[in-house]
N, C-alpha and C. Protein backbone atom coordinates (compact mmCIF):
# COMPACT_ATOMS: atom_id res chain seq x y z
N MET A 1 0.84 -1.18 0.00
CA MET A 1 0.00 0.00 0.00
C MET A 1 0.88 1.24 0.00
N ASN A 2 0.45 2.21 -0.77
CA ASN A 2 1.26 3.42 -0.80
C ASN A 2 0.94 4.29 0.41
N PRO A 3 1.83 5.23 0.74
CA PRO A 3 1.66 6.05 1.95
C PRO A 3 0.37 6.89 1.94
N ARG A 4 -0.08 7.31 0.78
CA ARG A 4 -1.29 8.13 0.71
C ARG A 4 -2.52 7.32 1.16
N ARG A 5 -2.62 6.08 0.71
CA ARG A 5 -3.73 5.22 1.11
C ARG A 5 -3.65 4.87 2.59
N GLN A 6 -2.45 4.71 3.09
CA GLN A 6 -2.29 4.41 4.52
C GLN A 6 -2.80 5.58 5.37
N LYS A 7 -2.52 6.81 4.95
CA LYS A 7 -3.00 7.99 5.68
C LYS A 7 -4.52 8.06 5.65
N ARG A 8 -5.12 7.79 4.48
CA ARG A 8 -6.57 7.81 4.37
C ARG A 8 -7.20 6.74 5.26
N LEU A 9 -6.62 5.55 5.22
CA LEU A 9 -7.14 4.46 6.04
C LEU A 9 -7.02 4.80 7.53
N ALA A 10 -5.91 5.38 7.91
CA ALA A 10 -5.74 5.78 9.31
C ALA A 10 -6.75 6.86 9.70
N ALA A 11 -7.00 7.82 8.81
CA ALA A 11 -7.97 8.88 9.09
C ALA A 11 -9.38 8.32 9.22
N VAL A 12 -9.77 7.44 8.30
CA VAL A 12 -11.10 6.83 8.36
C VAL A 12 -11.23 5.98 9.62
N GLY A 13 -10.21 5.23 9.96
CA GLY A 13 -10.23 4.42 11.18
C GLY A 13 -10.32 5.29 12.43
N GLY A 14 -9.58 6.39 12.46
CA GLY A 14 -9.64 7.30 13.61
C GLY A 14 -11.01 7.94 13.77
N ILE A 15 -11.61 8.36 12.65
CA ILE A 15 -12.95 8.94 12.70
C ILE A 15 -13.95 7.88 13.18
N GLY A 16 -13.82 6.65 12.71
CA GLY A 16 -14.71 5.57 13.14
C GLY A 16 -14.59 5.33 14.64
N LEU A 17 -13.36 5.33 15.16
CA LEU A 17 -13.16 5.15 16.60
C LEU A 17 -13.77 6.30 17.40
N LEU A 18 -13.63 7.52 16.90
CA LEU A 18 -14.23 8.67 17.58
C LEU A 18 -15.75 8.56 17.62
N ILE A 19 -16.36 8.13 16.52
CA ILE A 19 -17.81 7.98 16.49
C ILE A 19 -18.25 6.89 17.46
N VAL A 20 -17.58 5.75 17.45
CA VAL A 20 -17.92 4.66 18.38
C VAL A 20 -17.74 5.13 19.82
N GLY A 21 -16.68 5.86 20.10
CA GLY A 21 -16.46 6.38 21.46
C GLY A 21 -17.53 7.36 21.88
N ALA A 22 -17.94 8.24 20.98
CA ALA A 22 -19.00 9.21 21.31
C ALA A 22 -20.32 8.51 21.58
N ILE A 23 -20.68 7.52 20.78
CA ILE A 23 -21.92 6.78 20.99
C ILE A 23 -21.86 6.02 22.31
N THR A 24 -20.74 5.42 22.63
CA THR A 24 -20.58 4.71 23.90
C THR A 24 -20.75 5.64 25.08
N LEU A 25 -20.15 6.82 25.02
CA LEU A 25 -20.29 7.79 26.11
C LEU A 25 -21.73 8.27 26.25
N MET A 26 -22.43 8.49 25.15
CA MET A 26 -23.83 8.92 25.22
C MET A 26 -24.70 7.84 25.85
N LEU A 27 -24.52 6.60 25.44
CA LEU A 27 -25.32 5.52 26.01
C LEU A 27 -25.01 5.33 27.50
N PHE A 28 -23.76 5.46 27.88
CA PHE A 28 -23.39 5.33 29.28
C PHE A 28 -24.03 6.45 30.11
N ALA A 29 -24.06 7.66 29.57
CA ALA A 29 -24.68 8.78 30.28
C ALA A 29 -26.19 8.62 30.40
N LEU A 30 -26.81 7.99 29.42
CA LEU A 30 -28.26 7.82 29.44
C LEU A 30 -28.73 6.70 30.36
N THR A 31 -27.87 5.79 30.74
CA THR A 31 -28.31 4.66 31.56
C THR A 31 -28.91 5.11 32.88
N ASP A 32 -28.46 6.20 33.45
CA ASP A 32 -29.01 6.69 34.71
C ASP A 32 -30.35 7.39 34.52
N ASN A 33 -30.67 7.78 33.30
CA ASN A 33 -31.89 8.54 33.04
C ASN A 33 -33.00 7.72 32.39
N ILE A 34 -32.74 6.44 32.13
CA ILE A 34 -33.74 5.61 31.48
C ILE A 34 -34.65 5.01 32.56
N ASP A 35 -35.95 5.19 32.40
CA ASP A 35 -36.94 4.62 33.30
C ASP A 35 -37.61 3.46 32.58
N LEU A 36 -37.39 2.24 33.05
CA LEU A 36 -38.01 1.08 32.46
C LEU A 36 -39.42 0.92 33.02
N PHE A 37 -40.35 0.48 32.18
CA PHE A 37 -41.74 0.32 32.59
C PHE A 37 -41.96 -1.10 33.11
N TYR A 38 -42.59 -1.20 34.27
CA TYR A 38 -42.91 -2.48 34.88
C TYR A 38 -44.37 -2.49 35.32
N THR A 39 -44.93 -3.68 35.42
CA THR A 39 -46.22 -3.88 36.07
C THR A 39 -45.94 -4.42 37.46
N PRO A 40 -46.92 -4.40 38.37
CA PRO A 40 -46.66 -4.96 39.71
C PRO A 40 -46.18 -6.41 39.68
N SER A 41 -46.74 -7.23 38.80
CA SER A 41 -46.30 -8.63 38.71
C SER A 41 -44.84 -8.72 38.29
N GLU A 42 -44.43 -7.86 37.36
CA GLU A 42 -43.04 -7.91 36.88
C GLU A 42 -42.06 -7.45 37.95
N ILE A 43 -42.48 -6.57 38.85
CA ILE A 43 -41.59 -6.14 39.93
C ILE A 43 -41.38 -7.28 40.92
N VAL A 44 -42.45 -8.01 41.23
CA VAL A 44 -42.34 -9.11 42.20
C VAL A 44 -41.70 -10.34 41.58
N GLU A 45 -42.13 -10.72 40.38
CA GLU A 45 -41.69 -11.97 39.77
C GLU A 45 -40.54 -11.81 38.78
N GLY A 46 -40.29 -10.60 38.31
CA GLY A 46 -39.23 -10.36 37.34
C GLY A 46 -39.79 -10.21 35.94
N LYS A 47 -39.04 -9.52 35.11
CA LYS A 47 -39.42 -9.28 33.71
C LYS A 47 -38.39 -9.98 32.85
N ASP A 48 -38.81 -10.96 32.10
CA ASP A 48 -37.90 -11.78 31.28
C ASP A 48 -36.80 -12.39 32.14
N GLY A 49 -37.17 -12.80 33.36
CA GLY A 49 -36.23 -13.46 34.25
C GLY A 49 -35.34 -12.52 35.03
N VAL A 50 -35.50 -11.21 34.87
CA VAL A 50 -34.66 -10.24 35.57
C VAL A 50 -35.54 -9.37 36.46
N LYS A 51 -35.23 -9.36 37.77
CA LYS A 51 -35.97 -8.51 38.70
C LYS A 51 -35.29 -7.15 38.80
N PRO A 52 -36.07 -6.07 38.98
CA PRO A 52 -35.44 -4.77 39.19
C PRO A 52 -34.72 -4.76 40.53
N THR A 53 -33.68 -3.95 40.61
CA THR A 53 -32.87 -3.91 41.83
C THR A 53 -33.29 -2.73 42.70
N VAL A 54 -33.01 -2.85 43.99
CA VAL A 54 -33.31 -1.78 44.93
C VAL A 54 -32.52 -0.55 44.52
N GLY A 55 -33.18 0.60 44.48
CA GLY A 55 -32.54 1.85 44.07
C GLY A 55 -32.70 2.15 42.60
N GLN A 56 -33.27 1.24 41.83
CA GLN A 56 -33.45 1.45 40.39
C GLN A 56 -34.65 2.36 40.14
N ARG A 57 -34.47 3.32 39.21
CA ARG A 57 -35.58 4.17 38.78
C ARG A 57 -36.43 3.37 37.82
N LEU A 58 -37.75 3.50 37.97
CA LEU A 58 -38.65 2.77 37.10
C LEU A 58 -39.99 3.45 37.01
N ARG A 59 -40.77 3.00 36.05
CA ARG A 59 -42.17 3.43 35.91
C ARG A 59 -43.00 2.19 36.14
N ILE A 60 -44.08 2.37 36.90
CA ILE A 60 -44.96 1.25 37.18
C ILE A 60 -46.38 1.65 36.84
N GLY A 61 -47.10 0.74 36.23
CA GLY A 61 -48.48 1.00 35.88
C GLY A 61 -49.38 -0.11 36.35
N GLY A 62 -50.55 0.25 36.83
CA GLY A 62 -51.51 -0.75 37.29
C GLY A 62 -52.77 -0.07 37.79
N MET A 63 -53.62 -0.87 38.43
CA MET A 63 -54.87 -0.38 38.97
C MET A 63 -54.71 -0.16 40.47
N VAL A 64 -55.26 0.95 40.98
CA VAL A 64 -55.24 1.22 42.42
C VAL A 64 -56.24 0.27 43.08
N VAL A 65 -55.76 -0.50 44.04
CA VAL A 65 -56.60 -1.48 44.72
C VAL A 65 -57.57 -0.75 45.65
N PRO A 66 -58.88 -0.99 45.49
CA PRO A 66 -59.86 -0.34 46.36
C PRO A 66 -59.61 -0.66 47.83
N GLY A 67 -59.71 0.36 48.67
CA GLY A 67 -59.54 0.20 50.11
C GLY A 67 -58.11 0.30 50.60
N THR A 68 -57.15 0.55 49.70
CA THR A 68 -55.74 0.59 50.12
C THR A 68 -55.15 2.00 50.15
N VAL A 69 -55.94 3.01 49.79
CA VAL A 69 -55.42 4.37 49.78
C VAL A 69 -55.38 4.90 51.21
N ASN A 70 -54.18 5.20 51.71
CA ASN A 70 -53.98 5.73 53.06
C ASN A 70 -53.36 7.11 52.96
N ARG A 71 -54.06 8.11 53.45
CA ARG A 71 -53.57 9.49 53.40
C ARG A 71 -53.12 9.91 54.79
N ASP A 72 -52.01 10.64 54.84
CA ASP A 72 -51.52 11.21 56.10
C ASP A 72 -52.29 12.50 56.35
N ASN A 73 -52.87 12.65 57.55
CA ASN A 73 -53.68 13.82 57.87
C ASN A 73 -52.86 15.10 58.03
N GLU A 74 -51.56 14.96 58.28
CA GLU A 74 -50.73 16.13 58.55
C GLU A 74 -49.85 16.56 57.38
N SER A 75 -49.85 15.78 56.31
CA SER A 75 -49.02 16.14 55.16
C SER A 75 -49.72 15.66 53.89
N LEU A 76 -49.04 15.79 52.77
CA LEU A 76 -49.58 15.35 51.49
C LEU A 76 -49.20 13.91 51.18
N ALA A 77 -48.59 13.21 52.14
CA ALA A 77 -48.14 11.84 51.91
C ALA A 77 -49.34 10.91 51.76
N VAL A 78 -49.23 9.99 50.81
CA VAL A 78 -50.26 9.00 50.56
C VAL A 78 -49.58 7.69 50.15
N SER A 79 -50.17 6.59 50.52
CA SER A 79 -49.69 5.29 50.06
C SER A 79 -50.88 4.50 49.56
N PHE A 80 -50.64 3.65 48.58
CA PHE A 80 -51.70 2.82 48.00
C PHE A 80 -51.05 1.62 47.35
N ASN A 81 -51.86 0.60 47.11
CA ASN A 81 -51.38 -0.61 46.45
C ASN A 81 -51.80 -0.60 44.99
N LEU A 82 -50.94 -1.17 44.15
CA LEU A 82 -51.24 -1.34 42.73
C LEU A 82 -51.30 -2.82 42.42
N ILE A 83 -52.15 -3.18 41.47
CA ILE A 83 -52.28 -4.57 41.05
C ILE A 83 -52.45 -4.61 39.54
N ASP A 84 -52.02 -5.69 38.92
CA ASP A 84 -52.34 -5.92 37.51
C ASP A 84 -53.04 -7.27 37.40
N THR A 85 -52.30 -8.34 37.36
CA THR A 85 -52.91 -9.66 37.24
C THR A 85 -52.52 -10.58 38.39
N GLY A 86 -51.61 -10.14 39.24
CA GLY A 86 -51.13 -11.02 40.29
C GLY A 86 -50.83 -10.27 41.56
N PRO A 87 -49.56 -10.28 41.97
CA PRO A 87 -49.18 -9.66 43.23
C PRO A 87 -49.38 -8.14 43.24
N GLN A 88 -49.51 -7.62 44.45
CA GLN A 88 -49.66 -6.19 44.64
C GLN A 88 -48.33 -5.59 45.08
N VAL A 89 -48.11 -4.33 44.76
CA VAL A 89 -46.97 -3.58 45.29
C VAL A 89 -47.50 -2.29 45.89
N THR A 90 -46.75 -1.75 46.83
CA THR A 90 -47.14 -0.53 47.51
C THR A 90 -46.39 0.65 46.91
N VAL A 91 -47.11 1.74 46.69
CA VAL A 91 -46.53 2.98 46.18
C VAL A 91 -46.72 4.04 47.26
N ARG A 92 -45.64 4.76 47.59
CA ARG A 92 -45.72 5.88 48.52
C ARG A 92 -45.40 7.14 47.73
N TYR A 93 -46.20 8.18 47.97
CA TYR A 93 -46.05 9.43 47.23
C TYR A 93 -46.30 10.60 48.17
N ALA A 94 -45.50 11.63 48.07
CA ALA A 94 -45.69 12.85 48.86
C ALA A 94 -45.90 13.99 47.88
N GLY A 95 -47.13 14.39 47.72
CA GLY A 95 -47.45 15.47 46.79
C GLY A 95 -48.93 15.48 46.49
N ILE A 96 -49.31 16.36 45.60
CA ILE A 96 -50.70 16.49 45.22
C ILE A 96 -51.00 15.46 44.13
N LEU A 97 -51.99 14.64 44.38
CA LEU A 97 -52.38 13.62 43.41
C LEU A 97 -53.22 14.25 42.30
N PRO A 98 -53.20 13.66 41.10
CA PRO A 98 -54.02 14.18 40.01
C PRO A 98 -55.51 14.12 40.36
N ASP A 99 -56.30 14.98 39.75
CA ASP A 99 -57.75 15.02 39.99
C ASP A 99 -58.41 13.69 39.65
N LEU A 100 -57.92 12.99 38.64
CA LEU A 100 -58.53 11.74 38.21
C LEU A 100 -58.11 10.53 39.05
N PHE A 101 -57.26 10.72 40.04
CA PHE A 101 -56.81 9.62 40.88
C PHE A 101 -57.95 9.17 41.78
N ARG A 102 -58.23 7.87 41.76
CA ARG A 102 -59.23 7.28 42.66
C ARG A 102 -59.00 5.78 42.71
N GLU A 103 -59.65 5.15 43.66
CA GLU A 103 -59.54 3.70 43.79
C GLU A 103 -60.14 3.03 42.57
N GLY A 104 -59.50 1.97 42.09
CA GLY A 104 -59.96 1.26 40.92
C GLY A 104 -59.54 1.89 39.61
N GLN A 105 -58.82 2.99 39.67
CA GLN A 105 -58.39 3.74 38.49
C GLN A 105 -57.00 3.28 38.08
N GLY A 106 -56.72 3.28 36.80
CA GLY A 106 -55.39 2.97 36.30
C GLY A 106 -54.48 4.17 36.48
N ILE A 107 -53.26 3.93 36.96
CA ILE A 107 -52.28 5.01 37.12
C ILE A 107 -50.91 4.54 36.63
N VAL A 108 -50.05 5.51 36.40
CA VAL A 108 -48.64 5.26 36.11
C VAL A 108 -47.84 6.12 37.06
N ALA A 109 -46.90 5.51 37.77
CA ALA A 109 -46.06 6.24 38.72
C ALA A 109 -44.60 6.08 38.33
N THR A 110 -43.84 7.15 38.50
CA THR A 110 -42.40 7.13 38.27
C THR A 110 -41.72 7.29 39.61
N GLY A 111 -40.77 6.41 39.90
CA GLY A 111 -40.10 6.50 41.19
C GLY A 111 -38.93 5.55 41.31
N VAL A 112 -38.55 5.28 42.56
CA VAL A 112 -37.38 4.46 42.86
C VAL A 112 -37.84 3.26 43.69
N LEU A 113 -37.36 2.09 43.33
CA LEU A 113 -37.70 0.87 44.05
C LEU A 113 -36.93 0.83 45.36
N GLN A 114 -37.67 0.62 46.46
CA GLN A 114 -37.08 0.52 47.81
C GLN A 114 -37.13 -0.94 48.26
N GLU A 115 -36.72 -1.18 49.50
CA GLU A 115 -36.78 -2.51 50.08
C GLU A 115 -38.22 -3.01 50.11
N ASN A 116 -38.41 -4.31 50.10
CA ASN A 116 -39.71 -4.98 50.22
C ASN A 116 -40.68 -4.61 49.10
N GLY A 117 -40.18 -4.22 47.95
CA GLY A 117 -41.04 -3.94 46.80
C GLY A 117 -41.85 -2.67 46.90
N ILE A 118 -41.46 -1.75 47.74
CA ILE A 118 -42.15 -0.47 47.88
C ILE A 118 -41.54 0.53 46.90
N ILE A 119 -42.39 1.27 46.22
CA ILE A 119 -41.92 2.28 45.27
C ILE A 119 -42.13 3.65 45.88
N GLU A 120 -41.05 4.43 45.98
CA GLU A 120 -41.13 5.84 46.41
C GLU A 120 -41.34 6.65 45.15
N ALA A 121 -42.57 7.08 44.91
CA ALA A 121 -42.92 7.76 43.67
C ALA A 121 -42.54 9.23 43.72
N GLU A 122 -42.08 9.74 42.59
CA GLU A 122 -41.79 11.16 42.41
C GLU A 122 -42.88 11.82 41.59
N GLU A 123 -43.62 10.99 40.83
CA GLU A 123 -44.68 11.51 39.96
C GLU A 123 -45.76 10.44 39.84
N VAL A 124 -47.00 10.86 39.89
CA VAL A 124 -48.13 9.95 39.71
C VAL A 124 -49.04 10.55 38.64
N LEU A 125 -49.33 9.75 37.63
CA LEU A 125 -50.22 10.18 36.54
C LEU A 125 -51.43 9.27 36.53
N ALA A 126 -52.62 9.84 36.42
CA ALA A 126 -53.85 9.05 36.36
C ALA A 126 -54.28 8.94 34.91
N LYS A 127 -54.66 7.74 34.52
CA LYS A 127 -55.15 7.52 33.16
C LYS A 127 -56.59 8.02 33.08
N HIS A 128 -56.93 8.73 32.03
CA HIS A 128 -58.26 9.29 31.92
C HIS A 128 -59.24 8.38 31.20
N ASP A 129 -58.76 7.42 30.47
CA ASP A 129 -59.66 6.57 29.70
C ASP A 129 -59.14 5.15 29.74
N GLU A 130 -59.96 4.25 30.18
CA GLU A 130 -59.55 2.86 30.25
C GLU A 130 -60.22 2.01 29.18
N GLU A 131 -60.75 2.65 28.17
CA GLU A 131 -61.38 1.90 27.09
C GLU A 131 -60.35 1.10 26.31
N TYR A 132 -59.18 1.69 26.07
CA TYR A 132 -58.14 0.96 25.34
C TYR A 132 -57.17 0.34 26.31
N MET A 133 -56.82 -0.90 26.06
CA MET A 133 -55.82 -1.59 26.85
C MET A 133 -55.11 -2.53 25.89
N PRO A 134 -53.79 -2.70 26.01
CA PRO A 134 -53.12 -3.66 25.13
C PRO A 134 -53.79 -5.03 25.24
N PRO A 135 -53.96 -5.73 24.13
CA PRO A 135 -54.71 -6.99 24.14
C PRO A 135 -54.18 -8.01 25.15
N GLU A 136 -52.85 -8.13 25.28
CA GLU A 136 -52.31 -9.13 26.21
C GLU A 136 -52.62 -8.77 27.66
N LEU A 137 -52.62 -7.48 28.00
CA LEU A 137 -52.95 -7.06 29.35
C LEU A 137 -54.45 -7.20 29.60
N ALA A 138 -55.28 -6.89 28.61
CA ALA A 138 -56.72 -7.04 28.76
C ALA A 138 -57.08 -8.50 29.01
N GLU A 139 -56.42 -9.41 28.32
CA GLU A 139 -56.68 -10.84 28.51
C GLU A 139 -56.29 -11.29 29.92
N LYS A 140 -55.17 -10.80 30.42
CA LYS A 140 -54.72 -11.17 31.76
C LYS A 140 -55.64 -10.61 32.84
N MET A 141 -56.21 -9.42 32.59
CA MET A 141 -57.00 -8.75 33.63
C MET A 141 -58.46 -9.16 33.64
N LYS A 142 -58.86 -10.06 32.78
CA LYS A 142 -60.24 -10.54 32.81
C LYS A 142 -60.51 -11.18 34.16
N GLY A 143 -61.60 -10.80 34.78
CA GLY A 143 -61.97 -11.39 36.06
C GLY A 143 -61.50 -10.61 37.26
N ILE A 144 -60.63 -9.61 37.08
CA ILE A 144 -60.19 -8.80 38.21
C ILE A 144 -61.20 -7.67 38.39
N LYS A 145 -61.75 -7.56 39.58
CA LYS A 145 -62.76 -6.53 39.84
C LYS A 145 -62.08 -5.22 40.16
N HIS A 146 -62.64 -4.16 39.64
CA HIS A 146 -62.16 -2.83 39.97
C HIS A 146 -63.36 -1.87 39.96
N VAL A 147 -63.16 -0.70 40.51
CA VAL A 147 -64.23 0.28 40.62
C VAL A 147 -64.17 1.21 39.42
N ASN A 148 -65.25 1.28 38.68
CA ASN A 148 -65.38 2.24 37.60
C ASN A 148 -66.13 3.43 38.18
N PRO A 149 -65.54 4.62 38.21
CA PRO A 149 -66.18 5.76 38.86
C PRO A 149 -67.52 6.14 38.25
N ASN A 150 -67.78 5.76 37.01
CA ASN A 150 -69.04 6.12 36.36
C ASN A 150 -70.14 5.09 36.57
N GLN A 151 -69.78 3.83 36.87
CA GLN A 151 -70.79 2.79 36.90
C GLN A 151 -70.78 1.97 38.19
N GLY A 152 -69.97 2.28 39.17
CA GLY A 152 -69.89 1.47 40.37
C GLY A 152 -69.02 0.25 40.13
N ASN A 153 -69.29 -0.84 40.83
CA ASN A 153 -68.47 -2.05 40.68
C ASN A 153 -68.80 -2.77 39.39
N THR A 154 -67.76 -3.06 38.61
CA THR A 154 -67.90 -3.82 37.38
C THR A 154 -66.74 -4.75 37.26
N GLU A 155 -66.83 -5.66 36.33
CA GLU A 155 -65.69 -6.51 36.03
C GLU A 155 -65.09 -6.05 34.72
N SER A 156 -63.76 -6.04 34.64
CA SER A 156 -63.12 -5.63 33.39
C SER A 156 -62.92 -6.80 32.49
């Protein structure tokens, strides 16, 4: 190979290494900011054989179990249980809950997993419409009773 081609090859190789290094650094920086979505069953039993670890940021979605909402009279702290198709997990939140939050309602919470499967939520979002549900989740949730605020007790 002549020297001119060697310089070009070295330049192309160097640029390729810089691009790979930049992408690696970006992905490494994003790992702390990625919130993986879990259901209560996946937190207890694991998702694809992997359980979330204590201290991991995550998003959890499920139905608020009727009768489990506990509010602190002296602060904005509230705790409640979430369920999907199996085990329940407890969510603790200190803040103003959305207007649509109620027992039997679907919610999504963002927070950090603590000991004993408790999630310390930083944000709670209430779903406004439960007409659409992914088919696989709708199939799993058949037979689970929840409270529909418009119609009283119904089965989903």
